[in-house]
N, C-alpha and C. Protein backbone atom coordinates (compact mmCIF):
# COMPACT_ATOMS: atom_id res chain seq x y z
N UNK A 1 312.13 -65.19 70.09
CA UNK A 1 311.39 -65.67 68.93
C UNK A 1 312.25 -65.67 67.72
N UNK A 2 312.55 -66.88 67.19
CA UNK A 2 313.36 -67.04 66.02
C UNK A 2 312.57 -66.87 64.73
N UNK A 3 311.39 -67.49 64.58
CA UNK A 3 310.58 -67.43 63.44
C UNK A 3 309.15 -67.78 63.77
N UNK A 4 308.22 -67.35 62.91
CA UNK A 4 306.84 -67.66 63.07
C UNK A 4 306.22 -68.00 61.71
N UNK A 5 305.14 -68.79 61.66
CA UNK A 5 304.49 -69.18 60.46
C UNK A 5 303.51 -68.14 59.97
N UNK A 6 303.01 -68.24 58.79
CA UNK A 6 302.17 -67.23 58.18
C UNK A 6 300.91 -66.95 59.00
N UNK A 7 300.19 -67.93 59.36
CA UNK A 7 298.88 -67.73 60.03
C UNK A 7 299.07 -66.86 61.26
N UNK A 8 299.91 -67.28 62.18
CA UNK A 8 300.09 -66.53 63.34
C UNK A 8 300.96 -65.26 63.07
N UNK A 9 301.75 -65.31 62.02
CA UNK A 9 302.61 -64.17 61.68
C UNK A 9 301.87 -62.85 61.33
N UNK A 10 300.89 -62.92 60.50
CA UNK A 10 300.22 -61.71 60.03
C UNK A 10 299.50 -61.02 61.25
N UNK A 11 298.85 -61.88 62.04
CA UNK A 11 298.16 -61.39 63.19
C UNK A 11 299.14 -60.67 64.20
N UNK A 12 300.24 -61.39 64.45
CA UNK A 12 301.31 -60.87 65.34
C UNK A 12 301.89 -59.63 64.82
N UNK A 13 302.22 -59.59 63.50
CA UNK A 13 302.86 -58.38 62.87
C UNK A 13 301.88 -57.18 62.97
N UNK A 14 300.59 -57.44 62.66
CA UNK A 14 299.63 -56.35 62.78
C UNK A 14 299.61 -55.78 64.16
N UNK A 15 299.57 -56.65 65.19
CA UNK A 15 299.58 -56.15 66.53
C UNK A 15 300.81 -55.32 66.91
N UNK A 16 301.97 -55.83 66.47
CA UNK A 16 303.21 -55.03 66.74
C UNK A 16 303.24 -53.70 65.96
N UNK A 17 302.76 -53.73 64.71
CA UNK A 17 302.77 -52.51 63.92
C UNK A 17 301.81 -51.50 64.52
N UNK A 18 300.66 -51.97 65.03
CA UNK A 18 299.72 -51.04 65.64
C UNK A 18 300.27 -50.37 66.85
N UNK A 19 301.12 -51.10 67.55
CA UNK A 19 301.76 -50.50 68.70
C UNK A 19 302.75 -49.35 68.29
N UNK A 20 303.18 -49.43 67.08
CA UNK A 20 304.10 -48.38 66.54
C UNK A 20 303.27 -47.40 65.67
N UNK A 21 302.00 -47.37 65.77
CA UNK A 21 301.12 -46.52 65.03
C UNK A 21 301.31 -46.70 63.53
N UNK A 22 301.32 -47.93 63.10
CA UNK A 22 301.34 -48.30 61.68
C UNK A 22 300.43 -49.47 61.52
N UNK A 23 300.05 -49.86 60.34
CA UNK A 23 299.36 -51.10 60.11
C UNK A 23 299.99 -51.80 58.89
N UNK A 24 299.69 -53.06 58.75
CA UNK A 24 300.35 -53.90 57.78
C UNK A 24 300.19 -53.33 56.35
N UNK A 25 298.93 -52.96 56.02
CA UNK A 25 298.68 -52.43 54.67
C UNK A 25 299.42 -51.15 54.34
N UNK A 26 299.33 -50.20 55.27
CA UNK A 26 300.01 -48.88 55.02
C UNK A 26 301.52 -49.07 55.05
N UNK A 27 302.03 -49.96 55.92
CA UNK A 27 303.42 -50.25 56.01
C UNK A 27 303.87 -50.76 54.58
N UNK A 28 303.22 -51.80 54.12
CA UNK A 28 303.61 -52.38 52.80
C UNK A 28 303.54 -51.36 51.68
N UNK A 29 302.54 -50.48 51.75
CA UNK A 29 302.36 -49.44 50.68
C UNK A 29 303.54 -48.47 50.72
N UNK A 30 303.92 -48.04 51.94
CA UNK A 30 305.04 -47.14 52.08
C UNK A 30 306.29 -47.76 51.56
N UNK A 31 306.61 -48.98 51.96
CA UNK A 31 307.85 -49.67 51.58
C UNK A 31 307.88 -49.91 50.06
N UNK A 32 306.77 -50.32 49.51
CA UNK A 32 306.71 -50.60 48.07
C UNK A 32 306.95 -49.31 47.30
N UNK A 33 306.33 -48.21 47.68
CA UNK A 33 306.48 -46.96 47.00
C UNK A 33 307.87 -46.36 47.16
N UNK A 34 308.36 -46.31 48.43
CA UNK A 34 309.60 -45.65 48.74
C UNK A 34 310.78 -46.45 48.29
N UNK A 35 310.83 -47.76 48.36
CA UNK A 35 311.97 -48.56 48.07
C UNK A 35 311.89 -49.42 46.91
N UNK A 36 310.67 -49.51 46.27
CA UNK A 36 310.43 -50.32 45.05
C UNK A 36 310.72 -51.85 45.41
N UNK A 37 310.27 -52.23 46.60
CA UNK A 37 310.40 -53.60 47.00
C UNK A 37 308.96 -54.21 46.89
N UNK A 38 308.74 -55.18 45.98
CA UNK A 38 307.40 -55.62 45.74
C UNK A 38 307.13 -57.07 46.27
N UNK A 39 308.18 -57.79 46.56
CA UNK A 39 308.03 -59.11 47.17
C UNK A 39 308.91 -59.27 48.34
N UNK A 40 308.55 -60.18 49.23
CA UNK A 40 309.31 -60.39 50.41
C UNK A 40 309.68 -59.12 51.19
N UNK A 41 308.65 -58.32 51.46
CA UNK A 41 308.88 -57.07 52.13
C UNK A 41 309.20 -57.31 53.60
N UNK A 42 310.39 -56.99 54.06
CA UNK A 42 310.73 -57.16 55.49
C UNK A 42 309.96 -56.17 56.39
N UNK A 43 309.67 -56.53 57.54
CA UNK A 43 308.88 -55.74 58.49
C UNK A 43 309.83 -55.31 59.59
N UNK A 44 310.03 -54.00 59.70
CA UNK A 44 310.81 -53.45 60.76
C UNK A 44 309.84 -52.97 61.88
N UNK A 45 309.93 -53.62 63.02
CA UNK A 45 309.10 -53.23 64.15
C UNK A 45 309.89 -52.31 65.08
N UNK A 46 311.03 -52.76 65.49
CA UNK A 46 311.95 -52.04 66.26
C UNK A 46 313.32 -52.70 66.22
N UNK A 47 314.27 -52.24 67.01
CA UNK A 47 315.67 -52.79 67.00
C UNK A 47 315.70 -54.26 67.29
N UNK A 48 314.77 -54.81 68.00
CA UNK A 48 314.76 -56.16 68.45
C UNK A 48 313.91 -57.11 67.59
N UNK A 49 313.07 -56.56 66.75
CA UNK A 49 312.20 -57.39 65.90
C UNK A 49 312.20 -56.82 64.47
N UNK A 50 312.97 -57.51 63.55
CA UNK A 50 312.98 -57.23 62.15
C UNK A 50 312.64 -58.54 61.46
N UNK A 51 311.39 -58.60 60.95
CA UNK A 51 310.94 -59.85 60.38
C UNK A 51 311.21 -59.99 58.85
N UNK A 52 311.77 -61.08 58.49
CA UNK A 52 312.07 -61.35 57.10
C UNK A 52 311.21 -62.46 56.58
N UNK A 53 310.36 -62.22 55.57
CA UNK A 53 309.51 -63.24 55.05
C UNK A 53 310.31 -64.06 54.01
N UNK A 54 310.27 -65.32 54.07
CA UNK A 54 311.02 -66.13 53.11
C UNK A 54 310.29 -66.36 51.82
N UNK A 55 308.95 -66.02 51.85
CA UNK A 55 308.11 -66.02 50.69
C UNK A 55 307.20 -64.81 50.72
N UNK A 56 306.34 -64.62 49.74
CA UNK A 56 305.37 -63.55 49.76
C UNK A 56 304.52 -63.68 51.02
N UNK A 57 304.21 -62.52 51.69
CA UNK A 57 303.49 -62.63 52.96
C UNK A 57 302.13 -63.38 52.80
N UNK A 58 301.52 -63.36 51.65
CA UNK A 58 300.20 -64.00 51.51
C UNK A 58 300.37 -65.45 51.00
N UNK A 59 301.58 -65.97 50.92
CA UNK A 59 301.82 -67.39 50.54
C UNK A 59 301.39 -68.29 51.69
N UNK A 60 300.77 -69.38 51.43
CA UNK A 60 300.27 -70.30 52.41
C UNK A 60 301.39 -70.68 53.42
N UNK A 61 302.58 -70.93 52.87
CA UNK A 61 303.72 -71.50 53.68
C UNK A 61 304.72 -70.39 54.01
N UNK A 62 304.34 -69.12 54.09
CA UNK A 62 305.27 -68.08 54.40
C UNK A 62 305.68 -68.19 55.85
N UNK A 63 307.00 -68.13 56.12
CA UNK A 63 307.54 -68.10 57.44
C UNK A 63 308.35 -66.79 57.60
N UNK A 64 308.18 -66.15 58.76
CA UNK A 64 308.84 -64.87 59.08
C UNK A 64 310.00 -65.21 60.04
N UNK A 65 311.20 -64.81 59.65
CA UNK A 65 312.36 -65.02 60.39
C UNK A 65 312.80 -63.73 61.10
N UNK A 66 313.10 -63.76 62.40
CA UNK A 66 313.53 -62.50 63.02
C UNK A 66 315.00 -62.39 62.78
N UNK A 67 315.36 -61.36 62.01
CA UNK A 67 316.74 -61.08 61.59
C UNK A 67 317.65 -60.93 62.82
N UNK A 68 317.15 -60.29 63.82
CA UNK A 68 317.96 -59.99 65.07
C UNK A 68 318.40 -61.31 65.69
N UNK A 69 317.65 -62.44 65.55
CA UNK A 69 318.02 -63.68 66.15
C UNK A 69 318.94 -64.58 65.27
N UNK A 70 319.30 -64.12 64.09
CA UNK A 70 320.15 -64.84 63.26
C UNK A 70 321.62 -64.70 63.65
N UNK A 71 322.31 -65.76 63.89
CA UNK A 71 323.71 -65.73 64.24
C UNK A 71 324.52 -65.87 62.93
N UNK A 72 324.27 -66.96 62.17
CA UNK A 72 324.96 -67.18 60.90
C UNK A 72 324.01 -67.90 59.96
N UNK A 73 324.34 -67.94 58.69
CA UNK A 73 323.55 -68.78 57.72
C UNK A 73 324.48 -69.22 56.63
N UNK A 74 324.22 -70.38 56.06
CA UNK A 74 325.00 -70.97 55.00
C UNK A 74 324.06 -71.60 53.96
N UNK A 75 324.58 -71.69 52.79
CA UNK A 75 323.79 -72.33 51.68
C UNK A 75 323.87 -73.87 51.83
N UNK A 76 322.77 -74.48 51.47
CA UNK A 76 322.70 -75.94 51.47
C UNK A 76 321.79 -76.30 50.23
N UNK A 77 322.37 -76.18 49.10
CA UNK A 77 321.59 -76.41 47.85
C UNK A 77 320.61 -75.23 47.67
N UNK A 78 319.34 -75.62 47.51
CA UNK A 78 318.34 -74.58 47.25
C UNK A 78 317.77 -74.07 48.60
N UNK A 79 318.27 -74.61 49.74
CA UNK A 79 317.86 -74.18 51.02
C UNK A 79 318.93 -73.42 51.69
N UNK A 80 318.60 -72.74 52.77
CA UNK A 80 319.59 -72.01 53.64
C UNK A 80 319.42 -72.56 55.03
N UNK A 81 320.63 -72.89 55.59
CA UNK A 81 320.62 -73.28 57.02
C UNK A 81 320.93 -72.05 57.83
N UNK A 82 320.03 -71.84 58.84
CA UNK A 82 320.25 -70.66 59.73
C UNK A 82 320.49 -71.15 61.12
N UNK A 83 321.54 -70.61 61.66
CA UNK A 83 321.86 -70.86 63.09
C UNK A 83 321.39 -69.58 63.86
N UNK A 84 320.57 -69.84 64.84
CA UNK A 84 320.03 -68.79 65.61
C UNK A 84 320.89 -68.52 66.83
N UNK A 85 320.72 -67.38 67.47
CA UNK A 85 321.49 -66.97 68.63
C UNK A 85 321.37 -67.97 69.79
N UNK A 86 320.23 -68.66 69.82
CA UNK A 86 320.01 -69.59 70.89
C UNK A 86 320.70 -70.99 70.63
N UNK A 87 321.36 -71.09 69.48
CA UNK A 87 322.09 -72.31 69.14
C UNK A 87 321.27 -73.20 68.24
N UNK A 88 319.99 -73.09 68.13
CA UNK A 88 319.21 -73.89 67.24
C UNK A 88 319.53 -73.65 65.74
N UNK A 89 319.35 -74.68 64.93
CA UNK A 89 319.61 -74.63 63.52
C UNK A 89 318.42 -75.10 62.81
N UNK A 90 318.00 -74.36 61.74
CA UNK A 90 316.86 -74.78 60.97
C UNK A 90 317.08 -74.50 59.50
N UNK A 91 316.68 -75.42 58.65
CA UNK A 91 316.76 -75.22 57.19
C UNK A 91 315.47 -74.54 56.69
N UNK A 92 315.62 -73.57 55.85
CA UNK A 92 314.52 -72.88 55.21
C UNK A 92 314.60 -72.94 53.68
N UNK A 93 313.47 -73.09 53.12
CA UNK A 93 313.35 -73.24 51.65
C UNK A 93 313.54 -71.87 50.98
N UNK A 94 314.68 -71.34 51.05
CA UNK A 94 315.03 -70.05 50.39
C UNK A 94 316.50 -70.04 49.99
N UNK A 95 316.72 -69.72 48.75
CA UNK A 95 318.18 -69.68 48.32
C UNK A 95 318.90 -68.58 49.08
N UNK A 96 320.16 -68.79 49.34
CA UNK A 96 320.96 -67.84 50.16
C UNK A 96 321.03 -66.42 49.52
N UNK A 97 321.10 -66.34 48.19
CA UNK A 97 321.15 -65.08 47.56
C UNK A 97 319.86 -64.27 47.77
N UNK A 98 318.72 -64.95 47.73
CA UNK A 98 317.45 -64.32 48.00
C UNK A 98 317.39 -63.85 49.51
N UNK A 99 317.86 -64.70 50.38
CA UNK A 99 317.89 -64.25 51.81
C UNK A 99 318.78 -63.04 51.96
N UNK A 100 319.90 -63.02 51.35
CA UNK A 100 320.80 -61.86 51.47
C UNK A 100 320.15 -60.65 51.00
N UNK A 101 319.35 -60.72 49.86
CA UNK A 101 318.68 -59.60 49.30
C UNK A 101 317.58 -59.07 50.28
N UNK A 102 316.87 -60.03 50.89
CA UNK A 102 315.85 -59.65 51.86
C UNK A 102 316.44 -58.91 53.03
N UNK A 103 317.58 -59.43 53.51
CA UNK A 103 318.30 -58.86 54.64
C UNK A 103 318.82 -57.41 54.27
N UNK A 104 319.36 -57.27 53.08
CA UNK A 104 319.80 -55.96 52.63
C UNK A 104 318.65 -55.00 52.63
N UNK A 105 317.44 -55.44 52.13
CA UNK A 105 316.28 -54.61 52.09
C UNK A 105 315.80 -54.21 53.50
N UNK A 106 315.92 -55.20 54.42
CA UNK A 106 315.53 -54.96 55.81
C UNK A 106 316.43 -53.90 56.45
N UNK A 107 317.68 -53.95 56.18
CA UNK A 107 318.60 -52.92 56.79
C UNK A 107 318.35 -51.52 56.18
N UNK A 108 317.99 -51.46 54.97
CA UNK A 108 317.62 -50.14 54.38
C UNK A 108 316.35 -49.64 55.04
N UNK A 109 315.31 -50.50 55.17
CA UNK A 109 314.13 -50.05 55.81
C UNK A 109 314.32 -49.71 57.25
N UNK A 110 315.10 -50.48 57.97
CA UNK A 110 315.45 -50.15 59.39
C UNK A 110 316.02 -48.77 59.47
N UNK A 111 317.01 -48.43 58.66
CA UNK A 111 317.65 -47.10 58.64
C UNK A 111 316.65 -46.03 58.39
N UNK A 112 315.75 -46.23 57.42
CA UNK A 112 314.77 -45.26 57.11
C UNK A 112 313.85 -44.97 58.26
N UNK A 113 313.29 -45.97 58.91
CA UNK A 113 312.42 -45.77 60.04
C UNK A 113 313.16 -45.23 61.26
N UNK A 114 314.34 -45.60 61.46
CA UNK A 114 315.25 -45.06 62.50
C UNK A 114 315.44 -43.55 62.31
N UNK A 115 315.73 -43.14 61.08
CA UNK A 115 315.84 -41.72 60.75
C UNK A 115 314.57 -40.95 60.94
N UNK A 116 313.45 -41.55 60.55
CA UNK A 116 312.15 -40.94 60.77
C UNK A 116 311.85 -40.72 62.27
N UNK A 117 312.18 -41.66 63.06
CA UNK A 117 311.90 -41.43 64.51
C UNK A 117 312.85 -40.42 65.12
N UNK A 118 314.07 -40.38 64.58
CA UNK A 118 315.04 -39.37 65.05
C UNK A 118 314.59 -37.98 64.66
N UNK A 119 314.08 -37.85 63.41
CA UNK A 119 313.64 -36.51 62.94
C UNK A 119 312.43 -36.11 63.78
N UNK A 120 311.46 -36.98 64.13
CA UNK A 120 310.36 -36.59 64.85
C UNK A 120 310.64 -36.15 66.26
N UNK A 121 311.70 -36.75 66.84
CA UNK A 121 312.16 -36.34 68.21
C UNK A 121 312.82 -34.99 68.14
N UNK A 122 313.56 -34.66 67.07
CA UNK A 122 314.27 -33.41 66.91
C UNK A 122 313.38 -32.26 66.53
N UNK A 123 312.13 -32.49 66.10
CA UNK A 123 311.27 -31.38 65.70
C UNK A 123 310.30 -30.99 66.76
């Protein structure tokens, strides 16, 4: 899965988060409070699914990109061209600087949840 649209995205994300004993609202609340990220909150499910919203999750045209599937990306004006691991290329309506910030936030969140799961195993 390279990316999904908003309508199927929220339903899919909720299902995945529930499997990890989280839900979308509590996840967003934790991330916003802990990391002061208020827009474009990345969703860390596990090592193979890290979803990056290119717009606010409640935007009509929000698309979620799976970070793990990104091979490379380059700027193309106000858009970003993303080449996925499967070789497909798609243009997204997001400036490259914004995408880089979303990715940086995703990696911070990933590390946080990874450490949480490690701590719970060690206790």
